[in-house]
C-alpha atoms as a PDB file:
ATOM      1  CA  GLY A   1      53.699  -3.022 -82.068  1.00  0.00           C
ATOM      2  CA  ILE A   2      50.673  -2.909 -79.855  1.00  0.00           C
ATOM      3  CA  VAL A   3      49.808   0.391 -78.195  1.00  0.00           C
ATOM      4  CA  LEU A   4      47.905   0.207 -74.904  1.00  0.00           C
ATOM      5  CA  MET A   5      45.528   3.127 -74.423  1.00  0.00           C
ATOM      6  CA  SER A   6      43.095   4.165 -71.727  1.00  0.00           C
ATOM      7  CA  LYS A   7      39.494   5.129 -72.475  1.00  0.00           C
ATOM      8  CA  ARG A   8      40.457   8.784 -72.157  1.00  0.00           C
ATOM      9  CA  GLU A   9      43.241   8.386 -74.717  1.00  0.00           C
ATOM     10  CA  LEU A  10      40.922   6.516 -77.091  1.00  0.00           C
ATOM     11  CA  ASN A  11      38.381   9.331 -76.756  1.00  0.00           C
ATOM     12  CA  ARG A  12      41.096  11.885 -77.531  1.00  0.00           C
ATOM     13  CA  LEU A  13      42.157   9.866 -80.564  1.00  0.00           C
ATOM     14  CA  ASP A  14      38.592   9.845 -81.916  1.00  0.00           C
ATOM     15  CA  VAL A  15      38.133  13.579 -81.322  1.00  0.00           C
ATOM     16  CA  LEU A  16      41.497  14.419 -82.919  1.00  0.00           C
ATOM     17  CA  ALA A  17      40.692  12.287 -85.967  1.00  0.00           C
ATOM     18  CA  ARG A  18      37.404  14.175 -86.406  1.00  0.00           C
ATOM     19  CA  LEU A  19      39.202  17.492 -85.895  1.00  0.00           C
ATOM     20  CA  ASP A  20      41.870  16.572 -88.448  1.00  0.00           C
ATOM     21  CA  SER A  21      39.200  15.732 -91.036  1.00  0.00           C
ATOM     22  CA  ASP A  22      37.468  19.112 -90.408  1.00  0.00           C
ATOM     23  CA  ARG A  23      34.340  17.587 -88.876  1.00  0.00           C
ATOM     24  CA  LEU A  24      34.922  19.469 -85.600  1.00  0.00           C
ATOM     25  CA  THR A  25      36.128  22.930 -84.668  1.00  0.00           C
ATOM     26  CA  VAL A  26      39.013  23.423 -82.264  1.00  0.00           C
ATOM     27  CA  LEU A  27      36.683  24.848 -79.615  1.00  0.00           C
ATOM     28  CA  ALA A  28      34.285  21.897 -79.914  1.00  0.00           C
ATOM     29  CA  ALA A  29      37.167  19.411 -79.752  1.00  0.00           C
ATOM     30  CA  ALA A  30      38.627  21.180 -76.716  1.00  0.00           C
ATOM     31  CA  GLY A  31      35.248  20.968 -74.985  1.00  0.00           C
ATOM     32  CA  LEU A  32      34.915  17.251 -75.706  1.00  0.00           C
ATOM     33  CA  MET A  33      38.401  16.520 -74.364  1.00  0.00           C
ATOM     34  CA  ASN A  34      38.096  18.924 -71.397  1.00  0.00           C
ATOM     35  CA  VAL A  35      41.285  20.778 -72.333  1.00  0.00           C
ATOM     36  CA  THR A  36      42.056  24.291 -73.556  1.00  0.00           C
ATOM     37  CA  PRO A  37      42.181  25.177 -77.263  1.00  0.00           C
ATOM     38  CA  ARG A  38      45.932  25.693 -76.929  1.00  0.00           C
ATOM     39  CA  GLN A  39      46.386  22.157 -75.591  1.00  0.00           C
ATOM     40  CA  THR A  40      44.132  20.912 -78.396  1.00  0.00           C
ATOM     41  CA  TYR A  41      46.509  22.401 -80.970  1.00  0.00           C
ATOM     42  CA  ARG A  42      49.449  20.696 -79.209  1.00  0.00           C
ATOM     43  CA  LEU A  43      47.670  17.331 -79.222  1.00  0.00           C
ATOM     44  CA  LEU A  44      46.688  17.762 -82.875  1.00  0.00           C
ATOM     45  CA  SER A  45      50.290  18.465 -83.806  1.00  0.00           C
ATOM     46  CA  LYS A  46      51.471  15.317 -81.977  1.00  0.00           C
ATOM     47  CA  TYR A  47      48.684  13.303 -83.624  1.00  0.00           C
ATOM     48  CA  ARG A  48      49.656  14.501 -87.110  1.00  0.00           C
ATOM     49  CA  GLN A  49      53.333  13.701 -86.547  1.00  0.00           C
ATOM     50  CA  GLY A  50      53.097  10.371 -84.754  1.00  0.00           C
ATOM     51  CA  GLY A  51      49.568   9.014 -85.118  1.00  0.00           C
ATOM     52  CA  ALA A  52      47.840   7.064 -82.377  1.00  0.00           C
ATOM     53  CA  SER A  53      51.025   6.056 -80.564  1.00  0.00           C
ATOM     54  CA  ALA A  54      51.928   9.728 -80.012  1.00  0.00           C
ATOM     55  CA  ILE A  55      48.703  10.312 -78.059  1.00  0.00           C
ATOM     56  CA  ALA A  56      49.299   7.393 -75.676  1.00  0.00           C
ATOM     57  CA  ASN A  57      51.013   8.165 -72.367  1.00  0.00           C
ATOM     58  CA  GLN A  58      54.749   7.955 -73.061  1.00  0.00           C
ATOM     59  CA  ARG A  59      55.618   7.218 -69.412  1.00  0.00           C
ATOM     60  CA  ARG A  60      53.428   4.124 -69.122  1.00  0.00           C
ATOM     61  CA  GLY A  61      55.424   1.325 -67.531  1.00  0.00           C
ATOM     62  CA  CYS A  62      58.146   3.618 -66.145  1.00  0.00           C
ATOM     63  CA  PRO A  63      58.651   4.114 -62.413  1.00  0.00           C
ATOM     64  CA  SER A  64      57.268   7.283 -60.846  1.00  0.00           C
ATOM     65  CA  ASN A  65      59.551  10.250 -60.271  1.00  0.00           C
ATOM     66  CA  ASN A  66      58.088  10.566 -56.749  1.00  0.00           C
ATOM     67  CA  ARG A  67      58.592   6.961 -55.684  1.00  0.00           C
ATOM     68  CA  VAL A  68      59.981   6.048 -52.294  1.00  0.00           C
ATOM     69  CA  SER A  69      63.521   4.699 -52.518  1.00  0.00           C
ATOM     70  CA  ALA A  70      64.071   0.951 -52.173  1.00  0.00           C
ATOM     71  CA  GLU A  71      66.111   1.572 -48.996  1.00  0.00           C
ATOM     72  CA  VAL A  72      62.993   2.735 -47.154  1.00  0.00           C
END
């Protein structure tokens, strides 16, 4: 199916693809994505297992956990 992604997620996808093909180091990739190296390893693992759809926000389209109840 079609995966909707924000610009930030598309940027992450590009950086992770370059990291996976050894064109970037983990520290450089972390700097480009504005995350820590540890988070970069987590994202890379998700990318390798699930591809582009794993990087997209999984809660997109779901109601917020902090929403005001319908009664109010």
